[in-house]
Amino acid sequence: MNEIIIVKPEKCVGCNACVRSCPAPEANITKQLQDGRFITAVNPDKCISCGECVGVCNHGARDYIDDTEECMSHVIKEKLIIMASASIKAVFPNKWKGILNWFKKQGCTIIDVALGADICTWAHVRAIEENRINSIITQPCSAIVKYIESYQPKLLKNLSPIHSPVCCAAIYVKKYLRRNNPIAFLSPCIAKKEEFLETELVDYNVTFKKLMEYFDKNGIAIPTDSDEGFEYKFDEMQGQLGAIYPRPGGLRDNLWLHNPEMNITTSEGVHKVYPEIDMYAKMSESKHPQVYDVLSCEFGCNKGPGTGNNQTAFDVMAIMRNVENDAKSRRKSSGIMGRGEDRLFKKFEEDMDLRLADFFRTYKPSMPSPIPTELQLEPIYEKMGKHTPEDRKYDCLACGYKSCRDMAIAIYRGLNTPSNCIVHARSVLLARHSAITQQHTHLAEITADCLELSSKLKDDVAKISENMTNIGESTTATGERAAVVKDLLENVVEFCRQNPTMDEESVGQLTGILETTIEAFGALDDNVSATHESSEAINESIAAITNLVEEINKALIQTEEEASAEVK
């Protein structure tokens, strides 16, 4: 298992853009985290490394790994062989020579992959002439190869057995030049890493984007080329029309140059080529073109996901027209042999002694997961809240899949979860809304009862307060009167004591009675004072209760308003 496309979970927002753009049905695994967030990881065994998801992710959650850092750590001490993709001219129109010169200064050997493309063309032409291959799907695109290996293994018999241009160049260097230094490919393509792991012909896939990031990070300045021409002094011969392979239909145009009658159909672009490959697999072989020339990238390798190329498609195609004119000019100067025989092909066979069999390759099929039956999908649909045929054809695409059925298949395979279905999520929300509505109705009834009780309590408190006021007033009056009587009695006692006309025994009896009465009125006065103080305390408690009732009323009303807002 080799991880090429990587995910940064902290940046993933679960928008499903990667799932929606991905042509490989089992490449993404969507899961829900404990905090409720959805993130989409990569299944490296089923990912074809086309890089489409990296380009469509607006959140920076997807990236890729290549061999730039490892390669650059060995570039000097191991004297690498640098193979430059022909697309380097379109990606760095003013600096491609400066980049190659930098590697030359490090002691590297520079090989033109356009030469490998010319060898690739030669091998295809000869294999078709010798009837070794027929009804083929071209394979310079590594993402296409991985897709067929993983999802359409029945088409492996149709996949061209001829190696890609870079691997043809690597075979030439290793087998014919007998050079065993590590090979690095300056590449526009993320998926080439897959090809190199499988064929073991190239050691490092160094994408243009990561290479420029390395140069910037390490303060390496590449000067602008002073020469605007397309010729360069490679360490081996420069390629000819193989230089146009990176553009859409580049291989086709090379084959037509040698056989204009060849039946060739082309297809490019993630959202076009893979559905058409699936269609090709279902077609009768009698309807297959002689050559089906396919590329994953809509504008060819020149705008591949590893280029970082911000130029417009028009700019790139204009450069490629100039590259083609230059290649044709050099090809013309080399001459065409009699009877249309190509001098370059003659050089391959007579001077370089290339053998067709050396450039053949094999493939490793990976059986796709079986498609579940409708019976097996039934419980999945139920979990998704899709109970009717109409529910199961909602096909809103929010999950990233093209249909509800595709989503159900992904869930069956463990690649997704019912919670990620927006219809399911909406059903859950509606159920919760219904439950909240019922709770609100019940709460409203309770609130109304509480408000009614509160109103009654408020009225009762008001009456108690009024009565306590009356009691307080009456108590005050009683106290005042008791004080007057007490003073009067004290004066009478004093009068009796000082009155000489009354006998001592009578005075004693009378004053005893009066003093007892005074004590009683004193006690009454104390009780009245205590009652008054208690009344004031009761009034304070009543005021506090009244305030509390007001607060309860406010809280009840606010609760009812908030519950109503939540239901809405």
Protein backbone atom coordinates (compact mmCIF):
# COMPACT_ATOMS: atom_id res chain seq x y z
CA MET A 1 0.00 0.00 0.00
CA ASN A 2 1.61 3.24 -1.16
CA GLU A 3 0.16 6.59 -0.11
CA ILE A 4 0.48 9.24 -2.81
CA ILE A 5 -2.60 11.42 -2.32
CA ILE A 6 -2.74 12.59 1.30
CA VAL A 7 -5.39 14.25 3.46
CA LYS A 8 -4.96 16.93 6.13
CA PRO A 9 -7.87 16.09 8.48
CA GLU A 10 -7.75 19.42 10.31
CA LYS A 11 -8.55 21.21 7.02
CA CYS A 12 -11.21 18.82 5.73
CA VAL A 13 -14.74 20.25 6.06
CA GLY A 14 -16.59 17.26 4.62
CA CYS A 15 -17.88 19.17 1.58
CA ASN A 16 -17.63 16.02 -0.61
CA ALA A 17 -16.00 17.92 -3.49
CA CYS A 18 -13.27 15.26 -3.63
CA VAL A 19 -15.83 12.44 -3.83
CA ARG A 20 -17.77 14.31 -6.50
CA SER A 21 -14.72 14.87 -8.69
CA CYS A 22 -13.11 11.44 -8.22
CA PRO A 23 -13.40 8.96 -11.13
CA ALA A 24 -12.40 6.00 -8.93
CA PRO A 25 -15.50 4.72 -7.09
CA GLU A 26 -13.61 3.14 -4.18
CA ALA A 27 -10.86 5.71 -3.66
CA ASN A 28 -12.52 7.77 -0.92
CA ILE A 29 -13.60 6.79 2.58
CA THR A 30 -15.96 9.23 4.32
CA LYS A 31 -16.33 8.88 8.07
CA GLN A 32 -17.83 10.82 10.95
CA LEU A 33 -15.59 11.86 13.83
CA GLN A 34 -16.55 11.92 17.50
CA ASP A 35 -17.11 15.67 17.33
CA GLY A 36 -19.71 15.13 14.58
CA ARG A 37 -17.55 16.38 11.70
CA PHE A 38 -17.32 14.43 8.45
CA ILE A 39 -13.94 13.97 6.78
CA THR A 40 -12.97 12.05 3.67
CA ALA A 41 -9.81 9.96 3.73
CA VAL A 42 -8.08 8.18 0.83
CA ASN A 43 -8.05 4.45 0.18
CA PRO A 44 -4.55 4.13 -1.34
CA ASP A 45 -5.21 0.64 -2.71
CA LYS A 46 -8.04 1.96 -4.88
CA CYS A 47 -6.84 5.51 -5.57
CA ILE A 48 -5.54 6.03 -9.12
CA SER A 49 -3.56 9.18 -8.15
CA CYS A 50 -5.06 11.25 -10.95
CA GLY A 51 -4.82 14.32 -8.69
CA GLU A 52 -8.26 15.67 -9.54
CA CYS A 53 -9.23 15.95 -5.87
CA VAL A 54 -6.13 18.00 -5.09
CA GLY A 55 -7.19 20.58 -7.64
CA VAL A 56 -10.85 20.84 -6.59
CA CYS A 57 -10.28 21.07 -2.82
CA ASN A 58 -10.71 24.73 -1.90
CA HIS A 59 -9.74 24.10 1.71
CA GLY A 60 -6.20 22.82 1.21
CA ALA A 61 -7.12 19.46 2.72
CA ARG A 62 -5.67 17.40 -0.15
CA ASP A 63 -2.06 17.21 -1.29
CA TYR A 64 0.29 14.63 -2.75
CA ILE A 65 3.67 13.10 -2.04
CA ASP A 66 6.41 12.76 -4.64
CA ASP A 67 10.14 12.03 -4.45
CA THR A 68 11.54 15.56 -4.71
CA GLU A 69 13.09 15.80 -1.24
CA GLU A 70 14.64 12.33 -1.41
CA CYS A 71 15.89 12.89 -4.95
CA MET A 72 17.50 16.24 -4.16
CA SER A 73 19.34 14.72 -1.20
CA HIS A 74 21.04 12.30 -3.63
CA VAL A 75 21.37 14.52 -6.69
CA ILE A 76 25.08 15.30 -6.24
CA LYS A 77 26.59 12.28 -4.56
CA GLU A 78 24.96 9.74 -6.90
CA LYS A 79 25.23 11.63 -10.23
CA LEU A 80 21.65 11.02 -11.19
CA ILE A 81 20.26 10.55 -14.66
CA ILE A 82 17.64 13.26 -15.13
CA MET A 83 14.86 12.49 -17.58
CA ALA A 84 12.99 15.61 -18.57
CA SER A 85 9.37 15.34 -19.64
CA ALA A 86 8.67 17.03 -22.95
CA SER A 87 6.05 19.08 -21.10
CA ILE A 88 8.82 21.05 -19.35
CA LYS A 89 8.86 23.44 -22.32
CA ALA A 90 5.19 24.32 -21.83
CA VAL A 91 5.32 24.45 -18.04
CA PHE A 92 8.46 26.61 -17.85
CA PRO A 93 8.60 28.32 -21.26
CA ASN A 94 11.28 30.79 -20.14
CA LYS A 95 13.23 28.69 -17.64
CA TRP A 96 13.24 25.06 -18.80
CA LYS A 97 16.79 25.25 -20.10
CA GLY A 98 17.95 26.96 -16.91
CA ILE A 99 16.45 24.12 -14.84
CA LEU A 100 18.21 21.47 -16.93
CA ASN A 101 21.46 23.45 -16.78
CA TRP A 102 21.25 23.52 -12.97
CA PHE A 103 21.09 19.72 -12.89
CA LYS A 104 23.95 19.54 -15.37
CA LYS A 105 26.08 21.64 -13.05
CA GLN A 106 25.41 19.08 -10.30
CA GLY A 107 26.97 16.43 -12.55
CA CYS A 108 23.71 14.85 -13.72
CA THR A 109 23.13 13.29 -17.14
CA ILE A 110 20.18 14.89 -18.97
CA ILE A 111 17.95 12.71 -21.17
CA ASP A 112 15.09 13.96 -23.35
CA VAL A 113 11.94 11.90 -22.70
CA ALA A 114 10.74 12.99 -26.15
CA LEU A 115 13.30 10.46 -27.40
CA GLY A 116 11.51 7.82 -25.32
CA ALA A 117 8.25 8.99 -26.93
CA ASP A 118 9.76 8.50 -30.40
CA ILE A 119 10.78 4.98 -29.34
CA CYS A 120 7.22 4.46 -28.04
CA THR A 121 5.82 5.51 -31.43
CA TRP A 122 8.23 3.21 -33.26
CA ALA A 123 7.26 0.28 -31.00
CA HIS A 124 3.54 0.86 -31.58
CA VAL A 125 3.93 1.14 -35.34
CA ARG A 126 6.04 -2.01 -35.57
CA ALA A 127 3.77 -4.00 -33.19
CA ILE A 128 0.69 -3.05 -35.22
CA GLU A 129 2.46 -3.89 -38.49
CA GLU A 130 3.43 -7.29 -37.13
CA ASN A 131 -0.13 -7.88 -35.85
CA ARG A 132 1.14 -8.26 -32.31
CA ILE A 133 -1.43 -5.78 -31.06
CA ASN A 134 -4.85 -4.72 -32.26
CA SER A 135 -7.74 -2.79 -30.71
CA ILE A 136 -5.53 -1.19 -28.08
CA ILE A 137 -5.92 1.41 -25.36
CA THR A 138 -2.83 3.59 -25.11
CA GLN A 139 -1.02 3.65 -21.78
CA PRO A 140 1.33 6.65 -21.42
CA CYS A 141 -1.09 7.92 -18.75
CA SER A 142 -0.38 6.16 -15.45
CA ALA A 143 -3.75 7.10 -13.93
CA ILE A 144 -5.54 5.38 -16.83
CA VAL A 145 -3.44 2.25 -16.32
CA LYS A 146 -4.22 2.15 -12.58
CA TYR A 147 -7.92 2.66 -13.29
CA ILE A 148 -8.05 -0.26 -15.71
CA GLU A 149 -6.03 -2.47 -13.36
CA SER A 150 -8.32 -1.62 -10.44
CA TYR A 151 -11.78 -1.22 -11.98
CA GLN A 152 -11.78 -2.70 -15.50
CA PRO A 153 -9.30 -5.61 -15.36
CA LYS A 154 -11.06 -7.27 -18.30
CA LEU A 155 -9.56 -4.49 -20.46
CA LEU A 156 -5.97 -5.39 -19.58
CA LYS A 157 -5.85 -7.48 -22.76
CA ASN A 158 -6.61 -4.26 -24.67
CA LEU A 159 -4.12 -2.10 -22.77
CA SER A 160 -1.12 -1.45 -24.97
CA PRO A 161 1.84 -3.64 -23.99
CA ILE A 162 4.26 -0.90 -25.04
CA HIS A 163 5.88 1.00 -22.18
CA SER A 164 5.24 4.71 -21.68
CA PRO A 165 7.73 7.23 -23.15
CA VAL A 166 9.64 7.73 -19.88
CA CYS A 167 9.96 3.99 -19.31
CA CYS A 168 11.00 3.47 -22.94
CA ALA A 169 13.72 6.06 -22.34
CA ALA A 170 14.70 4.33 -19.08
CA ILE A 171 14.95 0.95 -20.84
CA TYR A 172 17.10 2.52 -23.54
CA VAL A 173 19.45 4.04 -20.93
CA LYS A 174 19.68 0.91 -18.78
CA LYS A 175 19.71 -1.79 -21.45
CA TYR A 176 21.40 -0.13 -24.39
CA LEU A 177 23.61 2.55 -22.82
CA ARG A 178 24.29 0.30 -19.82
CA ARG A 179 23.92 3.14 -17.35
CA ASN A 180 22.86 2.06 -13.87
CA ASN A 181 22.79 5.40 -12.08
CA PRO A 182 19.52 6.23 -10.30
CA ILE A 183 16.98 7.82 -12.62
CA ALA A 184 14.83 10.83 -11.73
CA PHE A 185 11.93 11.96 -13.89
CA LEU A 186 11.12 15.68 -14.02
CA SER A 187 7.41 15.18 -14.22
CA PRO A 188 4.03 16.87 -14.68
CA CYS A 189 2.25 13.85 -13.23
CA ILE A 190 1.42 12.67 -9.70
CA ALA A 191 0.43 9.18 -10.87
CA LYS A 192 3.82 8.38 -12.42
CA LYS A 193 4.89 7.26 -8.96
CA GLU A 194 2.44 4.35 -9.32
CA GLU A 195 4.00 3.34 -12.63
CA PHE A 196 7.55 3.49 -11.30
CA LEU A 197 6.67 1.37 -8.28
CA GLU A 198 5.17 -1.26 -10.57
CA THR A 199 7.81 -1.30 -13.32
CA GLU A 200 10.87 -0.47 -11.13
CA LEU A 201 12.45 1.35 -14.08
CA VAL A 202 12.63 4.87 -12.61
CA ASP A 203 13.69 5.73 -9.07
CA TYR A 204 12.29 9.19 -8.44
CA ASN A 205 9.17 11.02 -9.58
CA VAL A 206 10.01 14.73 -9.19
CA THR A 207 6.99 16.84 -10.07
CA PHE A 208 7.53 20.32 -11.44
CA LYS A 209 5.43 21.89 -8.69
CA LYS A 210 7.37 20.32 -5.82
CA LEU A 211 10.68 20.99 -7.59
CA MET A 212 9.97 24.71 -7.78
CA GLU A 213 8.88 24.70 -4.14
CA TYR A 214 12.22 23.08 -3.30
CA PHE A 215 14.14 25.70 -5.29
CA ASP A 216 12.24 28.53 -3.58
CA LYS A 217 12.68 27.05 -0.10
CA ASN A 218 16.41 26.61 -0.59
CA GLY A 219 17.04 29.95 -2.25
CA ILE A 220 17.98 28.46 -5.62
CA ALA A 221 17.34 31.01 -8.36
CA ILE A 222 16.86 29.73 -11.90
CA PRO A 223 17.74 32.38 -14.49
CA THR A 224 15.50 33.19 -17.41
CA ASP A 225 16.58 31.48 -20.63
CA SER A 226 18.41 33.77 -23.02
CA ASP A 227 17.62 31.49 -25.96
CA GLU A 228 13.94 31.10 -26.86
CA GLY A 229 14.49 28.16 -29.23
CA PHE A 230 13.48 24.57 -28.46
CA GLU A 231 16.79 22.87 -29.15
CA TYR A 232 18.91 21.78 -26.23
CA LYS A 233 22.16 19.90 -25.88
CA PHE A 234 20.95 16.74 -24.14
CA ASP A 235 23.49 14.06 -23.27
CA GLU A 236 21.81 11.78 -25.81
CA MET A 237 19.98 12.69 -29.00
CA GLN A 238 17.02 15.05 -28.71
CA GLY A 239 13.61 13.66 -29.50
CA GLN A 240 11.63 14.67 -32.54
CA LEU A 241 7.84 14.57 -32.76
CA GLY A 242 7.72 12.65 -29.50
CA ALA A 243 7.87 16.18 -28.08
CA ILE A 244 4.12 16.61 -28.75
CA TYR A 245 3.06 13.58 -26.69
CA PRO A 246 2.10 15.81 -23.71
CA ARG A 247 -0.70 17.48 -25.64
CA PRO A 248 -4.11 15.86 -26.23
CA GLY A 249 -3.88 13.49 -29.21
CA GLY A 250 -0.08 13.64 -29.24
CA LEU A 251 0.40 9.88 -29.60
CA ARG A 252 -2.38 9.75 -32.22
CA ASP A 253 -0.69 12.44 -34.31
CA ASN A 254 2.59 10.52 -34.20
CA LEU A 255 0.89 7.31 -35.34
CA TRP A 256 -0.98 9.10 -38.12
CA LEU A 257 2.31 10.50 -39.34
CA HIS A 258 3.30 6.92 -40.18
CA ASN A 259 -0.13 5.54 -41.06
CA PRO A 260 -2.79 8.16 -41.84
CA GLU A 261 -5.37 5.39 -42.38
CA MET A 262 -5.16 4.12 -38.83
CA ASN A 263 -8.52 4.18 -36.98
CA ILE A 264 -7.81 6.20 -33.84
CA THR A 265 -10.26 7.66 -31.30
CA THR A 266 -9.16 10.03 -28.54
CA SER A 267 -10.58 10.95 -25.15
CA GLU A 268 -9.25 13.32 -22.49
CA GLY A 269 -10.42 14.69 -19.16
CA VAL A 270 -11.39 13.05 -15.88
CA HIS A 271 -15.13 13.50 -16.33
CA LYS A 272 -15.07 12.21 -19.90
CA VAL A 273 -12.41 9.57 -20.32
CA TYR A 274 -13.25 7.26 -17.41
CA PRO A 275 -16.98 6.94 -18.20
CA GLU A 276 -15.98 6.28 -21.80
CA ILE A 277 -13.53 3.57 -20.70
CA ASP A 278 -16.42 1.95 -18.81
CA MET A 279 -18.49 2.23 -21.97
CA TYR A 280 -15.63 0.75 -24.01
CA ALA A 281 -15.62 -2.25 -21.66
CA LYS A 282 -19.29 -2.94 -22.43
CA MET A 283 -19.00 -2.50 -26.20
CA SER A 284 -18.64 -5.25 -28.73
CA GLU A 285 -14.98 -5.59 -29.73
CA SER A 286 -16.04 -5.16 -33.34
CA LYS A 287 -16.85 -1.54 -32.50
CA HIS A 288 -13.51 -0.78 -30.87
CA PRO A 289 -11.20 1.59 -32.74
CA GLN A 290 -7.81 0.27 -33.73
CA VAL A 291 -6.24 2.64 -31.22
CA TYR A 292 -8.03 4.35 -28.34
CA ASP A 293 -5.71 7.21 -27.30
CA VAL A 294 -6.60 8.36 -23.78
CA LEU A 295 -5.35 10.87 -21.21
CA SER A 296 -6.71 11.61 -17.75
CA CYS A 297 -5.96 15.34 -17.96
CA GLU A 298 -8.26 17.39 -20.18
CA PHE A 299 -5.43 19.50 -21.61
CA GLY A 300 -2.86 16.74 -21.57
CA CYS A 301 0.28 16.44 -19.47
CA ASN A 302 1.14 20.12 -20.00
CA LYS A 303 -1.56 21.03 -17.46
CA GLY A 304 -1.11 17.97 -15.25
CA PRO A 305 -1.75 18.11 -11.49
CA GLY A 306 1.98 18.07 -10.73
CA THR A 307 2.84 21.06 -12.92
CA GLY A 308 1.54 23.99 -10.88
CA ASN A 309 0.97 25.48 -14.33
CA ASN A 310 -1.13 28.65 -14.15
CA GLN A 311 -0.98 29.37 -17.86
CA THR A 312 -4.17 29.23 -19.91
CA ALA A 313 -4.88 26.30 -22.19
CA PHE A 314 -4.46 28.68 -25.13
CA ASP A 315 -0.96 29.67 -23.99
CA VAL A 316 0.02 26.03 -23.60
CA MET A 317 -1.35 25.00 -26.99
CA ALA A 318 0.44 27.91 -28.65
CA ILE A 319 3.73 26.72 -27.14
CA MET A 320 3.03 23.17 -28.28
CA ARG A 321 2.40 24.35 -31.85
CA ASN A 322 5.83 25.96 -31.81
CA VAL A 323 7.34 22.78 -30.33
CA GLU A 324 5.70 20.75 -33.10
CA ASN A 325 6.95 23.08 -35.82
CA ASP A 326 10.47 22.89 -34.39
CA ALA A 327 10.30 19.08 -34.22
CA LYS A 328 9.02 18.84 -37.78
CA SER A 329 11.81 21.11 -38.94
CA ARG A 330 14.45 18.92 -37.32
CA ARG A 331 12.75 15.79 -38.61
CA LYS A 332 12.70 17.19 -42.11
CA SER A 333 16.38 18.02 -41.93
CA SER A 334 17.07 14.40 -41.02
CA GLY A 335 15.26 13.33 -44.18
CA ILE A 336 12.69 10.70 -45.10
CA MET A 337 13.96 7.53 -46.69
CA GLY A 338 12.57 6.19 -49.94
CA ARG A 339 9.13 4.58 -49.95
CA GLY A 340 8.22 6.67 -46.90
CA GLU A 341 10.59 4.85 -44.58
CA ASP A 342 11.43 7.03 -41.58
CA ARG A 343 15.14 7.72 -41.11
CA LEU A 344 14.65 7.91 -37.33
CA PHE A 345 13.09 4.43 -37.26
CA LYS A 346 15.96 3.18 -39.36
CA LYS A 347 18.38 4.66 -36.85
CA PHE A 348 16.53 2.91 -34.02
CA GLU A 349 16.75 -0.46 -35.72
CA GLU A 350 20.10 -0.36 -37.50
CA ASP A 351 22.29 2.01 -35.52
CA MET A 352 20.82 1.58 -32.05
CA ASP A 353 19.70 -2.03 -32.59
CA LEU A 354 16.48 -1.59 -30.61
CA ARG A 355 14.48 -4.79 -30.12
CA LEU A 356 10.71 -4.49 -29.92
CA ALA A 357 10.34 -7.11 -27.18
CA ASP A 358 12.50 -5.05 -24.81
CA PHE A 359 9.84 -2.36 -24.67
CA PHE A 360 6.91 -4.60 -23.78
CA ARG A 361 5.40 -4.63 -20.30
CA THR A 362 2.83 -6.58 -18.31
CA TYR A 363 0.14 -5.45 -15.87
CA LYS A 364 -1.07 -6.47 -12.44
CA PRO A 365 -4.85 -6.73 -12.15
CA SER A 366 -6.60 -5.82 -8.92
CA MET A 367 -10.08 -7.24 -8.76
CA PRO A 368 -12.74 -4.61 -8.03
CA SER A 369 -15.16 -5.18 -5.20
CA PRO A 370 -18.32 -7.03 -6.28
CA ILE A 371 -21.42 -4.93 -6.82
CA PRO A 372 -24.05 -5.76 -4.17
CA THR A 373 -27.47 -7.06 -5.14
CA GLU A 374 -30.65 -5.08 -4.63
CA LEU A 375 -31.50 -7.40 -1.74
CA GLN A 376 -28.18 -6.56 -0.09
CA LEU A 377 -28.79 -2.84 -0.63
CA GLU A 378 -32.28 -2.94 0.93
CA PRO A 379 -31.15 -2.51 4.58
CA ILE A 380 -28.77 0.25 3.47
CA TYR A 381 -31.63 2.17 1.88
CA GLU A 382 -33.66 1.75 5.07
CA LYS A 383 -30.81 3.15 7.17
CA MET A 384 -30.65 6.10 4.77
CA GLY A 385 -34.36 6.74 5.33
CA LYS A 386 -35.15 5.86 1.71
CA HIS A 387 -38.26 3.70 1.92
CA THR A 388 -39.90 4.26 -1.48
CA PRO A 389 -38.65 4.00 -5.09
CA GLU A 390 -38.94 7.78 -5.31
CA ASP A 391 -36.75 8.20 -2.23
CA ARG A 392 -34.11 5.97 -3.81
CA LYS A 393 -33.95 8.04 -6.98
CA TYR A 394 -33.65 11.41 -5.28
CA ASP A 395 -30.12 11.70 -6.73
CA CYS A 396 -29.37 15.14 -5.26
CA LEU A 397 -25.58 14.57 -5.64
CA ALA A 398 -24.86 16.28 -2.29
CA CYS A 399 -23.02 13.19 -1.03
CA GLY A 400 -20.65 13.39 -4.00
CA TYR A 401 -21.97 10.32 -5.80
CA LYS A 402 -23.88 10.37 -9.06
CA SER A 403 -26.91 8.57 -7.63
CA CYS A 404 -28.46 7.35 -4.39
CA ARG A 405 -27.67 3.83 -5.53
CA ASP A 406 -23.96 4.64 -5.86
CA MET A 407 -24.07 6.10 -2.34
CA ALA A 408 -25.78 2.95 -1.04
CA ILE A 409 -23.10 0.80 -2.69
CA ALA A 410 -20.39 2.92 -1.06
CA ILE A 411 -22.04 2.47 2.35
CA TYR A 412 -22.31 -1.28 1.74
CA ARG A 413 -18.56 -1.37 1.01
CA GLY A 414 -17.78 0.57 4.18
CA LEU A 415 -16.71 3.69 2.28
CA ASN A 416 -19.41 6.02 3.59
CA THR A 417 -22.08 6.37 6.26
CA PRO A 418 -25.87 6.94 6.11
CA SER A 419 -25.41 10.08 8.22
CA ASN A 420 -23.64 11.69 5.25
CA CYS A 421 -26.83 11.45 3.17
CA ILE A 422 -28.52 14.85 3.19
CA VAL A 423 -31.98 13.28 2.81
CA HIS A 424 -31.26 11.07 5.82
CA ALA A 425 -29.97 14.08 7.75
CA ARG A 426 -33.09 16.04 6.80
CA SER A 427 -35.33 13.17 7.94
CA VAL A 428 -33.52 13.13 11.28
CA LEU A 429 -33.94 16.90 11.60
CA LEU A 430 -37.65 16.68 10.74
CA ALA A 431 -38.13 13.97 13.36
CA ARG A 432 -36.34 16.11 15.92
CA HIS A 433 -38.40 19.13 14.90
CA SER A 434 -41.60 17.13 15.38
CA ALA A 435 -40.47 15.97 18.82
CA ILE A 436 -39.52 19.53 19.78
CA THR A 437 -42.91 20.79 18.54
CA GLN A 438 -44.69 18.26 20.74
CA GLN A 439 -42.50 19.21 23.69
CA HIS A 440 -43.24 22.86 23.02
CA THR A 441 -46.99 22.24 23.03
CA HIS A 442 -46.71 20.44 26.36
CA LEU A 443 -44.46 23.18 27.70
CA ALA A 444 -46.95 25.83 26.59
CA GLU A 445 -49.71 24.08 28.53
CA ILE A 446 -47.55 23.88 31.65
CA THR A 447 -46.55 27.52 31.24
CA ALA A 448 -50.18 28.60 30.96
CA ASP A 449 -51.05 26.70 34.15
CA CYS A 450 -48.09 28.23 35.94
CA LEU A 451 -49.05 31.72 34.80
CA GLU A 452 -52.60 31.17 36.05
CA LEU A 453 -51.36 29.94 39.44
CA SER A 454 -48.90 32.79 39.57
CA SER A 455 -51.68 35.28 38.93
CA LYS A 456 -53.77 33.79 41.73
CA LEU A 457 -50.78 33.83 44.05
CA LYS A 458 -50.18 37.45 43.21
CA ASP A 459 -53.79 38.33 44.05
CA ASP A 460 -53.60 36.41 47.35
CA VAL A 461 -50.39 38.17 48.27
CA ALA A 462 -52.01 41.53 47.54
CA LYS A 463 -54.92 40.71 49.86
CA ILE A 464 -52.57 39.54 52.60
CA SER A 465 -50.57 42.70 52.18
CA GLU A 466 -53.72 44.81 52.49
CA ASN A 467 -54.83 42.94 55.62
CA MET A 468 -51.40 43.26 57.16
CA THR A 469 -51.53 47.01 56.52
CA ASN A 470 -54.87 47.23 58.32
CA ILE A 471 -53.51 45.14 61.20
CA GLY A 472 -50.51 47.39 61.39
CA GLU A 473 -52.65 50.50 61.54
CA SER A 474 -54.95 48.96 64.21
CA THR A 475 -51.98 47.81 66.23
CA THR A 476 -50.48 51.27 66.16
CA ALA A 477 -53.74 52.83 67.39
CA THR A 478 -54.09 50.24 70.19
CA GLY A 479 -50.55 50.91 71.30
CA GLU A 480 -51.15 54.62 71.44
CA ARG A 481 -54.34 54.17 73.49
CA ALA A 482 -52.66 51.73 75.91
CA ALA A 483 -49.91 54.25 76.51
CA VAL A 484 -52.49 56.98 77.34
CA VAL A 485 -54.34 54.70 79.79
CA LYS A 486 -51.04 53.63 81.37
CA ASP A 487 -50.04 57.26 81.95
CA LEU A 488 -53.47 58.03 83.38
CA LEU A 489 -53.33 55.12 85.82
CA GLU A 490 -49.85 56.09 86.95
CA ASN A 491 -51.14 59.57 87.74
CA VAL A 492 -54.10 58.10 89.72
CA VAL A 493 -51.74 55.92 91.75
CA GLU A 494 -49.56 58.90 92.54
CA PHE A 495 -52.65 60.94 93.50
CA CYS A 496 -53.90 58.22 95.85
CA ARG A 497 -50.59 57.95 97.60
CA GLN A 498 -50.43 61.64 98.25
CA ASN A 499 -54.13 62.12 99.21
CA PRO A 500 -54.33 62.52 103.04
CA THR A 501 -58.06 61.93 103.17
CA MET A 502 -57.80 58.24 102.16
CA ASP A 503 -56.90 55.64 104.75
CA GLU A 504 -53.69 53.73 104.28
CA GLU A 505 -55.33 50.33 103.82
CA SER A 506 -57.66 51.57 101.08
CA VAL A 507 -54.82 53.31 99.34
CA GLY A 508 -52.73 50.14 99.45
CA GLN A 509 -55.51 48.06 97.96
CA LEU A 510 -56.29 50.60 95.27
CA THR A 511 -52.68 51.22 94.28
CA GLY A 512 -52.05 47.45 94.13
CA ILE A 513 -54.91 47.02 91.70
CA LEU A 514 -53.83 50.01 89.67
CA GLU A 515 -50.18 48.86 89.51
CA THR A 516 -51.28 45.42 88.32
CA THR A 517 -53.38 47.16 85.67
CA ILE A 518 -50.38 49.31 84.67
CA GLU A 519 -48.23 46.20 84.31
CA ALA A 520 -50.92 44.65 82.10
CA PHE A 521 -51.05 47.74 79.90
CA GLY A 522 -47.22 47.74 79.76
CA ALA A 523 -47.26 44.15 78.61
CA LEU A 524 -49.98 45.08 76.11
CA ASP A 525 -47.79 47.90 74.81
CA ASP A 526 -44.82 45.52 74.46
CA ASN A 527 -47.01 43.02 72.60
CA VAL A 528 -48.33 45.76 70.34
CA SER A 529 -44.74 46.85 69.56
CA ALA A 530 -43.72 43.25 68.85
CA THR A 531 -46.79 42.80 66.67
CA HIS A 532 -45.90 45.96 64.77
CA GLU A 533 -42.35 44.76 64.18
CA SER A 534 -43.69 41.36 63.03
CA SER A 535 -46.09 43.12 60.68
CA GLU A 536 -43.22 45.04 59.14
CA ALA A 537 -41.23 41.81 58.72
CA ILE A 538 -44.28 40.15 57.15
CA ASN A 539 -44.71 43.12 54.82
CA GLU A 540 -41.07 42.84 53.78
CA SER A 541 -41.54 39.10 53.11
CA ILE A 542 -44.69 39.84 51.11
CA ALA A 543 -42.74 42.39 49.01
CA ALA A 544 -40.02 39.80 48.39
CA ILE A 545 -42.64 37.21 47.39
CA THR A 546 -44.26 39.74 45.06
CA ASN A 547 -40.90 40.41 43.36
CA LEU A 548 -40.27 36.66 43.09
CA VAL A 549 -43.66 36.14 41.44
CA GLU A 550 -42.81 38.88 38.93
CA GLU A 551 -39.49 37.18 38.11
CA ILE A 552 -41.24 33.81 37.70
CA ASN A 553 -43.73 35.38 35.30
CA LYS A 554 -40.93 36.92 33.24
CA ALA A 555 -39.03 33.60 33.13
CA LEU A 556 -42.13 31.69 32.04
CA ILE A 557 -42.87 34.17 29.26
CA GLN A 558 -39.23 34.13 28.07
CA THR A 559 -39.18 30.30 28.07
CA GLU A 560 -42.31 30.21 25.95
CA GLU A 561 -40.85 32.73 23.46
CA GLU A 562 -37.56 30.79 23.15
CA ALA A 563 -39.40 27.50 22.63
CA SER A 564 -41.50 29.11 19.89
CA ALA A 565 -38.39 30.46 18.17
CA GLU A 566 -36.68 27.03 18.30
CA VAL A 567 -39.67 25.34 16.67
CA LYS A 568 -39.71 27.92 13.89
